[in-house]
Amino acid sequence: MGVVNITPDSFSDGGKFFEPQAAVAHARRLLEEGADILDIGGESSRPGAQPVSEVDELQRVLPVLSELRDVPVSVDTRRPAVMRAVLAVGASMINDIEALTTPGALEAVVGSDCAVCLMHKQGDPATMQQAPRYEQVVGEVKAFLSSRIAVCEKAGISRERIAIDPGFGFGKTLEHNLVLLKRLAELATLGVPVLAGWSRKSTLGVITGRPVSERLAASLAAALLAVQQGARILRVHDVGQTRDALAVLRALEKA
């Protein structure tokens, strides 16, 4: 899953692809590098990010989505009205950091045939990293995602349409993130694909001491570890390099 941030304030590439033509060109490059699906978003959810208006989000996302109707596109949004609008334009997936808990979100997607990704987070982006706490982080994340899968299925969203995301960096400390990565296979037992998003994140900066622009090696390491623990979707900025790393892992598995 190749990341296309149509925002001025995303932590890694905020503003770089803010103009629609730049975003579309970047999306096409990611497809050439081997992305299976694009994940576009018009609202940053980085720690400390402030929400944008529904109008602004739609003005950012719709022009880009309309130029990418020929390829699988996931839209990263938590607003039901935005979900309805992008599904009408041909979005293939809704990637929701709120796991469809917002009133109206389930109804927005249940009548379509789109895929959905349900993510766990603690708190809101503006404050979620201030003091995240868990008694048992893996158990709590797994219980939440299991409950959301059940709610979706009861509403009419088949299990075949659902993926889950433990939400690395979304209301989690360094230790929480590492424990979740180490025990990611426990989430895979829920029976739906697990998405892992480690690319360039601040946890990797804490571990390596490197700024966002120098976290490629750490991102690749985290991606490979996630796959070894059961992840089936990798949300990344560096598609070509990630595919090369995965090719080495696959070659080793087949040897």
C-alpha atoms as a PDB file:
ATOM      1  CA  MET A   1       0.000   0.000   0.000  1.00  0.00           C
ATOM      2  CA  GLY A   2       1.664   3.195  -1.220  1.00  0.00           C
ATOM      3  CA  VAL A   3       1.060   6.376   0.789  1.00  0.00           C
ATOM      4  CA  VAL A   4      -0.121   9.565  -0.924  1.00  0.00           C
ATOM      5  CA  ASN A   5      -0.593  12.410   1.572  1.00  0.00           C
ATOM      6  CA  ILE A   6      -2.610  15.271   0.099  1.00  0.00           C
ATOM      7  CA  THR A   7      -1.899  17.454   3.112  1.00  0.00           C
ATOM      8  CA  PRO A   8       0.307  20.399   4.064  1.00  0.00           C
ATOM      9  CA  ASP A   9       1.219  18.958   7.474  1.00  0.00           C
ATOM     10  CA  SER A  10       1.811  15.190   7.339  1.00  0.00           C
ATOM     11  CA  PHE A  11       4.862  14.185   9.378  1.00  0.00           C
ATOM     12  CA  SER A  12       6.890  12.774   6.492  1.00  0.00           C
ATOM     13  CA  ASP A  13       5.996  14.517   3.246  1.00  0.00           C
ATOM     14  CA  GLY A  14       3.486  17.187   4.231  1.00  0.00           C
ATOM     15  CA  GLY A  15       3.026  19.702   1.426  1.00  0.00           C
ATOM     16  CA  LYS A  16       5.123  17.789  -1.083  1.00  0.00           C
ATOM     17  CA  PHE A  17       2.109  16.376  -2.912  1.00  0.00           C
ATOM     18  CA  PHE A  18      -0.508  18.902  -1.830  1.00  0.00           C
ATOM     19  CA  GLU A  19      -1.370  20.007  -5.361  1.00  0.00           C
ATOM     20  CA  PRO A  20      -3.624  17.482  -7.145  1.00  0.00           C
ATOM     21  CA  GLN A  21      -1.348  17.048 -10.156  1.00  0.00           C
ATOM     22  CA  ALA A  22       1.662  16.402  -7.922  1.00  0.00           C
ATOM     23  CA  ALA A  23      -0.321  13.874  -5.890  1.00  0.00           C
ATOM     24  CA  VAL A  24      -1.513  12.032  -9.010  1.00  0.00           C
ATOM     25  CA  ALA A  25       1.988  11.968 -10.473  1.00  0.00           C
ATOM     26  CA  HIS A  26       3.377  10.601  -7.212  1.00  0.00           C
ATOM     27  CA  ALA A  27       0.623   7.978  -7.100  1.00  0.00           C
ATOM     28  CA  ARG A  28       1.498   6.830 -10.605  1.00  0.00           C
ATOM     29  CA  ARG A  29       5.161   6.544  -9.626  1.00  0.00           C
ATOM     30  CA  LEU A  30       4.248   4.369  -6.661  1.00  0.00           C
ATOM     31  CA  LEU A  31       2.231   2.109  -8.945  1.00  0.00           C
ATOM     32  CA  GLU A  32       5.204   1.803 -11.292  1.00  0.00           C
ATOM     33  CA  GLU A  33       7.350   0.833  -8.306  1.00  0.00           C
ATOM     34  CA  GLY A  34       4.941  -1.985  -7.535  1.00  0.00           C
ATOM     35  CA  ALA A  35       2.219  -0.677  -5.218  1.00  0.00           C
ATOM     36  CA  ASP A  36      -0.851  -2.927  -5.235  1.00  0.00           C
ATOM     37  CA  ILE A  37      -3.084  -0.252  -3.746  1.00  0.00           C
ATOM     38  CA  LEU A  38      -2.769   3.464  -3.075  1.00  0.00           C
ATOM     39  CA  ASP A  39      -3.779   5.038   0.233  1.00  0.00           C
ATOM     40  CA  ILE A  40      -4.718   8.689  -0.225  1.00  0.00           C
ATOM     41  CA  GLY A  41      -5.714  11.053   2.549  1.00  0.00           C
ATOM     42  CA  GLY A  42      -6.630  14.695   2.939  1.00  0.00           C
ATOM     43  CA  GLU A  43      -6.272  15.007   6.714  1.00  0.00           C
ATOM     44  CA  SER A  44      -3.079  14.392   8.652  1.00  0.00           C
ATOM     45  CA  SER A  45      -3.383  12.046  11.630  1.00  0.00           C
ATOM     46  CA  ARG A  46       0.181  12.502  12.869  1.00  0.00           C
ATOM     47  CA  PRO A  47       0.628  13.115  16.607  1.00  0.00           C
ATOM     48  CA  GLY A  48      -0.357  16.704  17.360  1.00  0.00           C
ATOM     49  CA  ALA A  49      -2.293  17.178  14.120  1.00  0.00           C
ATOM     50  CA  GLN A  50      -5.376  19.387  14.173  1.00  0.00           C
ATOM     51  CA  PRO A  51      -8.535  18.320  12.317  1.00  0.00           C
ATOM     52  CA  VAL A  52      -9.484  19.871   9.002  1.00  0.00           C
ATOM     53  CA  SER A  53     -12.973  20.682   7.813  1.00  0.00           C
ATOM     54  CA  GLU A  54     -15.023  18.219   5.832  1.00  0.00           C
ATOM     55  CA  VAL A  55     -15.065  20.654   2.905  1.00  0.00           C
ATOM     56  CA  ASP A  56     -11.274  20.976   2.893  1.00  0.00           C
ATOM     57  CA  GLU A  57     -10.805  17.215   3.063  1.00  0.00           C
ATOM     58  CA  LEU A  58     -13.117  16.647   0.109  1.00  0.00           C
ATOM     59  CA  GLN A  59     -11.486  19.417  -1.920  1.00  0.00           C
ATOM     60  CA  ARG A  60      -8.136  17.727  -1.411  1.00  0.00           C
ATOM     61  CA  VAL A  61      -9.149  14.128  -2.042  1.00  0.00           C
ATOM     62  CA  LEU A  62     -11.793  14.141  -4.771  1.00  0.00           C
ATOM     63  CA  PRO A  63      -9.711  15.682  -7.602  1.00  0.00           C
ATOM     64  CA  VAL A  64      -6.955  13.131  -7.003  1.00  0.00           C
ATOM     65  CA  LEU A  65      -9.303  10.173  -6.671  1.00  0.00           C
ATOM     66  CA  SER A  66     -11.119  11.115  -9.873  1.00  0.00           C
ATOM     67  CA  GLU A  67      -7.807  10.797 -11.771  1.00  0.00           C
ATOM     68  CA  LEU A  68      -7.080   7.360 -10.306  1.00  0.00           C
ATOM     69  CA  ARG A  69     -10.320   5.528 -11.037  1.00  0.00           C
ATOM     70  CA  ASP A  70      -8.464   2.882 -13.026  1.00  0.00           C
ATOM     71  CA  VAL A  71      -6.491   1.571 -10.024  1.00  0.00           C
ATOM     72  CA  PRO A  72      -7.301   0.311  -6.512  1.00  0.00           C
ATOM     73  CA  VAL A  73      -7.448   3.289  -4.154  1.00  0.00           C
ATOM     74  CA  SER A  74      -7.947   3.326  -0.400  1.00  0.00           C
ATOM     75  CA  VAL A  75      -9.094   6.583   1.159  1.00  0.00           C
ATOM     76  CA  ASP A  76      -7.819   7.378   4.626  1.00  0.00           C
ATOM     77  CA  THR A  77     -10.734   9.151   6.281  1.00  0.00           C
ATOM     78  CA  ARG A  78     -12.820   9.069   9.449  1.00  0.00           C
ATOM     79  CA  ARG A  79     -15.792  11.129   8.205  1.00  0.00           C
ATOM     80  CA  PRO A  80     -18.944   9.350   6.996  1.00  0.00           C
ATOM     81  CA  ALA A  81     -19.769  12.114   4.498  1.00  0.00           C
ATOM     82  CA  VAL A  82     -16.308  11.817   2.972  1.00  0.00           C
ATOM     83  CA  MET A  83     -16.680   8.031   2.869  1.00  0.00           C
ATOM     84  CA  ARG A  84     -19.927   8.326   0.937  1.00  0.00           C
ATOM     85  CA  ALA A  85     -18.452  10.866  -1.474  1.00  0.00           C
ATOM     86  CA  VAL A  86     -15.304   8.885  -2.285  1.00  0.00           C
ATOM     87  CA  LEU A  87     -17.198   5.617  -2.662  1.00  0.00           C
ATOM     88  CA  ALA A  88     -19.435   7.335  -5.186  1.00  0.00           C
ATOM     89  CA  VAL A  89     -16.305   8.275  -7.165  1.00  0.00           C
ATOM     90  CA  GLY A  90     -14.905   4.746  -7.105  1.00  0.00           C
ATOM     91  CA  ALA A  91     -12.766   4.267  -3.981  1.00  0.00           C
ATOM     92  CA  SER A  92     -11.937   0.597  -3.392  1.00  0.00           C
ATOM     93  CA  MET A  93     -11.298   0.786   0.342  1.00  0.00           C
ATOM     94  CA  ILE A  94     -11.976   2.937   3.390  1.00  0.00           C
ATOM     95  CA  ASN A  95      -9.051   3.123   5.813  1.00  0.00           C
ATOM     96  CA  ASP A  96     -10.508   4.521   9.036  1.00  0.00           C
ATOM     97  CA  ILE A  97      -8.419   5.379  12.099  1.00  0.00           C
ATOM     98  CA  GLU A  98     -11.690   5.415  14.064  1.00  0.00           C
ATOM     99  CA  ALA A  99     -12.556   1.835  12.991  1.00  0.00           C
ATOM    100  CA  LEU A 100     -16.020   2.945  11.801  1.00  0.00           C
ATOM    101  CA  THR A 101     -17.068   4.015  15.306  1.00  0.00           C
ATOM    102  CA  THR A 102     -18.185   7.488  14.187  1.00  0.00           C
ATOM    103  CA  PRO A 103     -21.999   7.682  13.982  1.00  0.00           C
ATOM    104  CA  GLY A 104     -22.992   7.049  10.370  1.00  0.00           C
ATOM    105  CA  ALA A 105     -19.703   5.454   9.326  1.00  0.00           C
ATOM    106  CA  LEU A 106     -20.995   1.892   9.225  1.00  0.00           C
ATOM    107  CA  GLU A 107     -24.011   2.982   7.230  1.00  0.00           C
ATOM    108  CA  ALA A 108     -21.766   4.854   4.805  1.00  0.00           C
ATOM    109  CA  VAL A 109     -19.893   1.712   3.747  1.00  0.00           C
ATOM    110  CA  VAL A 110     -22.231  -1.211   4.393  1.00  0.00           C
ATOM    111  CA  GLY A 111     -24.161  -0.785   1.159  1.00  0.00           C
ATOM    112  CA  SER A 112     -21.052  -0.768  -1.005  1.00  0.00           C
ATOM    113  CA  ASP A 113     -18.668  -3.602  -1.856  1.00  0.00           C
ATOM    114  CA  CYS A 114     -15.561  -1.729  -0.699  1.00  0.00           C
ATOM    115  CA  ALA A 115     -12.921  -3.122   1.624  1.00  0.00           C
ATOM    116  CA  VAL A 116     -12.458  -1.542   5.049  1.00  0.00           C
ATOM    117  CA  CYS A 117      -9.468  -1.271   7.346  1.00  0.00           C
ATOM    118  CA  LEU A 118     -10.265  -0.956  11.046  1.00  0.00           C
ATOM    119  CA  MET A 119      -7.525   0.674  13.106  1.00  0.00           C
ATOM    120  CA  HIS A 120      -6.952   0.830  16.840  1.00  0.00           C
ATOM    121  CA  LYS A 121      -5.924   4.081  18.453  1.00  0.00           C
ATOM    122  CA  GLN A 122      -6.047   5.555  21.926  1.00  0.00           C
ATOM    123  CA  GLY A 123      -7.149   9.190  22.100  1.00  0.00           C
ATOM    124  CA  ASP A 124      -7.212  11.775  19.319  1.00  0.00           C
ATOM    125  CA  PRO A 125      -4.285  12.713  17.045  1.00  0.00           C
ATOM    126  CA  ALA A 126      -3.862  16.085  18.774  1.00  0.00           C
ATOM    127  CA  THR A 127      -3.183  14.497  22.187  1.00  0.00           C
ATOM    128  CA  MET A 128      -2.787  10.735  21.719  1.00  0.00           C
ATOM    129  CA  GLN A 129       0.956  10.624  22.390  1.00  0.00           C
ATOM    130  CA  GLN A 130       0.931  12.619  25.612  1.00  0.00           C
ATOM    131  CA  ALA A 131       0.478   9.743  28.063  1.00  0.00           C
ATOM    132  CA  PRO A 132      -0.811   6.507  26.495  1.00  0.00           C
ATOM    133  CA  ARG A 133      -1.449   3.736  29.027  1.00  0.00           C
ATOM    134  CA  TYR A 134      -2.471   0.089  28.829  1.00  0.00           C
ATOM    135  CA  GLU A 135      -2.671  -2.780  31.265  1.00  0.00           C
ATOM    136  CA  GLN A 136      -1.985  -5.330  28.522  1.00  0.00           C
ATOM    137  CA  VAL A 137      -1.499  -3.579  25.183  1.00  0.00           C
ATOM    138  CA  VAL A 138      -1.760  -6.650  22.939  1.00  0.00           C
ATOM    139  CA  GLY A 139      -4.845  -7.980  24.686  1.00  0.00           C
ATOM    140  CA  GLU A 140      -6.579  -4.605  24.676  1.00  0.00           C
ATOM    141  CA  VAL A 141      -5.821  -3.911  21.015  1.00  0.00           C
ATOM    142  CA  LYS A 142      -6.905  -7.412  20.018  1.00  0.00           C
ATOM    143  CA  ALA A 143     -10.147  -7.184  22.009  1.00  0.00           C
ATOM    144  CA  PHE A 144     -11.019  -3.834  20.435  1.00  0.00           C
ATOM    145  CA  LEU A 145     -10.347  -5.025  16.886  1.00  0.00           C
ATOM    146  CA  SER A 146     -12.233  -8.259  17.487  1.00  0.00           C
ATOM    147  CA  SER A 147     -15.241  -6.296  18.705  1.00  0.00           C
ATOM    148  CA  ARG A 148     -15.141  -3.999  15.682  1.00  0.00           C
ATOM    149  CA  ILE A 149     -14.982  -6.958  13.303  1.00  0.00           C
ATOM    150  CA  ALA A 150     -18.060  -8.384  15.014  1.00  0.00           C
ATOM    151  CA  VAL A 151     -19.925  -5.072  14.783  1.00  0.00           C
ATOM    152  CA  CYS A 152     -19.096  -4.767  11.089  1.00  0.00           C
ATOM    153  CA  GLU A 153     -20.215  -8.296  10.341  1.00  0.00           C
ATOM    154  CA  LYS A 154     -23.468  -7.765  12.217  1.00  0.00           C
ATOM    155  CA  ALA A 155     -24.087  -4.600  10.171  1.00  0.00           C
ATOM    156  CA  GLY A 156     -23.626  -6.534   6.929  1.00  0.00           C
ATOM    157  CA  ILE A 157     -19.941  -6.013   6.085  1.00  0.00           C
ATOM    158  CA  SER A 158     -18.615  -9.483   5.280  1.00  0.00           C
ATOM    159  CA  ARG A 159     -15.398 -10.679   6.874  1.00  0.00           C
ATOM    160  CA  GLU A 160     -13.833 -10.958   3.402  1.00  0.00           C
ATOM    161  CA  ARG A 161     -13.978  -7.145   3.135  1.00  0.00           C
ATOM    162  CA  ILE A 162     -12.218  -6.439   6.447  1.00  0.00           C
ATOM    163  CA  ALA A 163      -8.578  -5.772   7.358  1.00  0.00           C
ATOM    164  CA  ILE A 164      -7.236  -4.616  10.723  1.00  0.00           C
ATOM    165  CA  ASP A 165      -4.446  -2.276  11.811  1.00  0.00           C
ATOM    166  CA  PRO A 166      -3.008  -2.221  15.372  1.00  0.00           C
ATOM    167  CA  GLY A 167      -2.243   1.471  14.918  1.00  0.00           C
ATOM    168  CA  PHE A 168       1.479   1.664  15.539  1.00  0.00           C
ATOM    169  CA  GLY A 169       2.186   5.138  16.930  1.00  0.00           C
ATOM    170  CA  PHE A 170      -1.458   5.989  17.550  1.00  0.00           C
ATOM    171  CA  GLY A 171      -1.588   6.381  21.303  1.00  0.00           C
ATOM    172  CA  LYS A 172       1.332   4.020  21.950  1.00  0.00           C
ATOM    173  CA  THR A 173       4.746   4.411  23.545  1.00  0.00           C
ATOM    174  CA  LEU A 174       7.934   2.954  22.096  1.00  0.00           C
ATOM    175  CA  GLU A 175       7.484  -0.101  24.290  1.00  0.00           C
ATOM    176  CA  HIS A 176       3.839  -0.540  23.288  1.00  0.00           C
ATOM    177  CA  ASN A 177       4.790  -0.420  19.601  1.00  0.00           C
ATOM    178  CA  LEU A 178       7.579  -2.957  19.980  1.00  0.00           C
ATOM    179  CA  VAL A 179       5.453  -5.376  21.979  1.00  0.00           C
ATOM    180  CA  LEU A 180       2.705  -5.165  19.350  1.00  0.00           C
ATOM    181  CA  LEU A 181       5.222  -5.819  16.587  1.00  0.00           C
ATOM    182  CA  LYS A 182       6.767  -8.752  18.436  1.00  0.00           C
ATOM    183  CA  ARG A 183       3.356 -10.312  19.034  1.00  0.00           C
ATOM    184  CA  LEU A 184       1.626  -9.258  15.817  1.00  0.00           C
ATOM    185  CA  ALA A 185       0.896 -12.894  15.006  1.00  0.00           C
ATOM    186  CA  GLU A 186      -1.648 -12.876  17.842  1.00  0.00           C
ATOM    187  CA  LEU A 187      -3.715 -10.328  15.918  1.00  0.00           C
ATOM    188  CA  ALA A 188      -3.494 -12.427  12.773  1.00  0.00           C
ATOM    189  CA  THR A 189      -5.464 -15.128  14.601  1.00  0.00           C
ATOM    190  CA  LEU A 190      -8.554 -12.911  14.250  1.00  0.00           C
ATOM    191  CA  GLY A 191      -8.789 -14.281  10.724  1.00  0.00           C
ATOM    192  CA  VAL A 192      -8.550 -11.105   8.652  1.00  0.00           C
ATOM    193  CA  PRO A 193      -5.506  -9.494   6.976  1.00  0.00           C
ATOM    194  CA  VAL A 194      -3.311  -7.404   9.266  1.00  0.00           C
ATOM    195  CA  LEU A 195      -2.008  -4.075   7.976  1.00  0.00           C
ATOM    196  CA  ALA A 196       1.243  -2.726   9.413  1.00  0.00           C
ATOM    197  CA  GLY A 197       2.218   0.919   9.110  1.00  0.00           C
ATOM    198  CA  TRP A 198       5.753   1.551  10.352  1.00  0.00           C
ATOM    199  CA  SER A 199       7.099   3.595   7.466  1.00  0.00           C
ATOM    200  CA  ARG A 200       9.284   6.514   8.663  1.00  0.00           C
ATOM    201  CA  LYS A 201       7.455   6.776  11.993  1.00  0.00           C
ATOM    202  CA  SER A 202       8.780   8.558  15.072  1.00  0.00           C
ATOM    203  CA  THR A 203       9.321   5.281  16.933  1.00  0.00           C
ATOM    204  CA  LEU A 204      11.991   4.455  14.362  1.00  0.00           C
ATOM    205  CA  GLY A 205      13.507   7.874  14.977  1.00  0.00           C
ATOM    206  CA  VAL A 206      13.683   7.168  18.704  1.00  0.00           C
ATOM    207  CA  ILE A 207      15.357   3.818  18.068  1.00  0.00           C
ATOM    208  CA  THR A 208      17.879   5.046  15.487  1.00  0.00           C
ATOM    209  CA  GLY A 209      18.255   8.713  16.350  1.00  0.00           C
ATOM    210  CA  ARG A 210      17.630   9.606  12.715  1.00  0.00           C
ATOM    211  CA  PRO A 211      15.289  12.263  11.246  1.00  0.00           C
ATOM    212  CA  VAL A 212      12.334  11.378   9.025  1.00  0.00           C
ATOM    213  CA  SER A 213      14.375  11.698   5.833  1.00  0.00           C
ATOM    214  CA  GLU A 214      16.879   9.070   7.027  1.00  0.00           C
ATOM    215  CA  ARG A 215      14.579   6.294   8.246  1.00  0.00           C
ATOM    216  CA  LEU A 216      14.438   4.097   5.143  1.00  0.00           C
ATOM    217  CA  ALA A 217      16.640   1.312   6.532  1.00  0.00           C
ATOM    218  CA  ALA A 218      14.702   1.202   9.787  1.00  0.00           C
ATOM    219  CA  SER A 219      11.400   1.245   7.887  1.00  0.00           C
ATOM    220  CA  LEU A 220      12.476  -1.728   5.776  1.00  0.00           C
ATOM    221  CA  ALA A 221      13.571  -3.650   8.860  1.00  0.00           C
ATOM    222  CA  ALA A 222      10.235  -3.021  10.569  1.00  0.00           C
ATOM    223  CA  ALA A 223       8.335  -4.004   7.422  1.00  0.00           C
ATOM    224  CA  LEU A 224      10.140  -7.338   7.149  1.00  0.00           C
ATOM    225  CA  LEU A 225       9.649  -8.078  10.841  1.00  0.00           C
ATOM    226  CA  ALA A 226       5.937  -7.283  10.504  1.00  0.00           C
ATOM    227  CA  VAL A 227       5.574  -9.681   7.573  1.00  0.00           C
ATOM    228  CA  GLN A 228       7.379 -12.399   9.500  1.00  0.00           C
ATOM    229  CA  GLN A 229       4.848 -11.883  12.310  1.00  0.00           C
ATOM    230  CA  GLY A 230       1.848 -12.197  10.013  1.00  0.00           C
ATOM    231  CA  ALA A 231       1.242  -8.795   8.393  1.00  0.00           C
ATOM    232  CA  ARG A 232      -0.254  -9.065   4.914  1.00  0.00           C
ATOM    233  CA  ILE A 233      -0.496  -5.396   3.976  1.00  0.00           C
ATOM    234  CA  LEU A 234       2.353  -2.925   4.388  1.00  0.00           C
ATOM    235  CA  ARG A 235       1.518   0.775   4.298  1.00  0.00           C
ATOM    236  CA  VAL A 236       4.723   2.427   3.097  1.00  0.00           C
ATOM    237  CA  HIS A 237       6.173   5.558   1.534  1.00  0.00           C
ATOM    238  CA  ASP A 238       9.055   3.760  -0.204  1.00  0.00           C
ATOM    239  CA  VAL A 239       7.349   1.158  -2.367  1.00  0.00           C
ATOM    240  CA  GLY A 240      10.205   0.065  -4.632  1.00  0.00           C
ATOM    241  CA  GLN A 241      12.681  -0.422  -1.814  1.00  0.00           C
ATOM    242  CA  THR A 242      10.124  -2.302   0.265  1.00  0.00           C
ATOM    243  CA  ARG A 243       9.333  -4.657  -2.587  1.00  0.00           C
ATOM    244  CA  ASP A 244      13.047  -5.359  -3.055  1.00  0.00           C
ATOM    245  CA  ALA A 245      13.394  -6.200   0.642  1.00  0.00           C
ATOM    246  CA  LEU A 246      10.348  -8.471   0.452  1.00  0.00           C
ATOM    247  CA  ALA A 247      11.797 -10.210  -2.624  1.00  0.00           C
ATOM    248  CA  VAL A 248      14.856 -11.175  -0.592  1.00  0.00           C
ATOM    249  CA  LEU A 249      12.675 -12.488   2.225  1.00  0.00           C
ATOM    250  CA  ARG A 250      10.579 -14.536  -0.199  1.00  0.00           C
ATOM    251  CA  ALA A 251      13.697 -15.968  -1.847  1.00  0.00           C
ATOM    252  CA  LEU A 252      14.974 -17.083   1.543  1.00  0.00           C
ATOM    253  CA  GLU A 253      11.637 -18.695   2.404  1.00  0.00           C
ATOM    254  CA  LYS A 254      11.711 -20.664  -0.858  1.00  0.00           C
ATOM    255  CA  ALA A 255      15.370 -21.753  -0.571  1.00  0.00           C
END
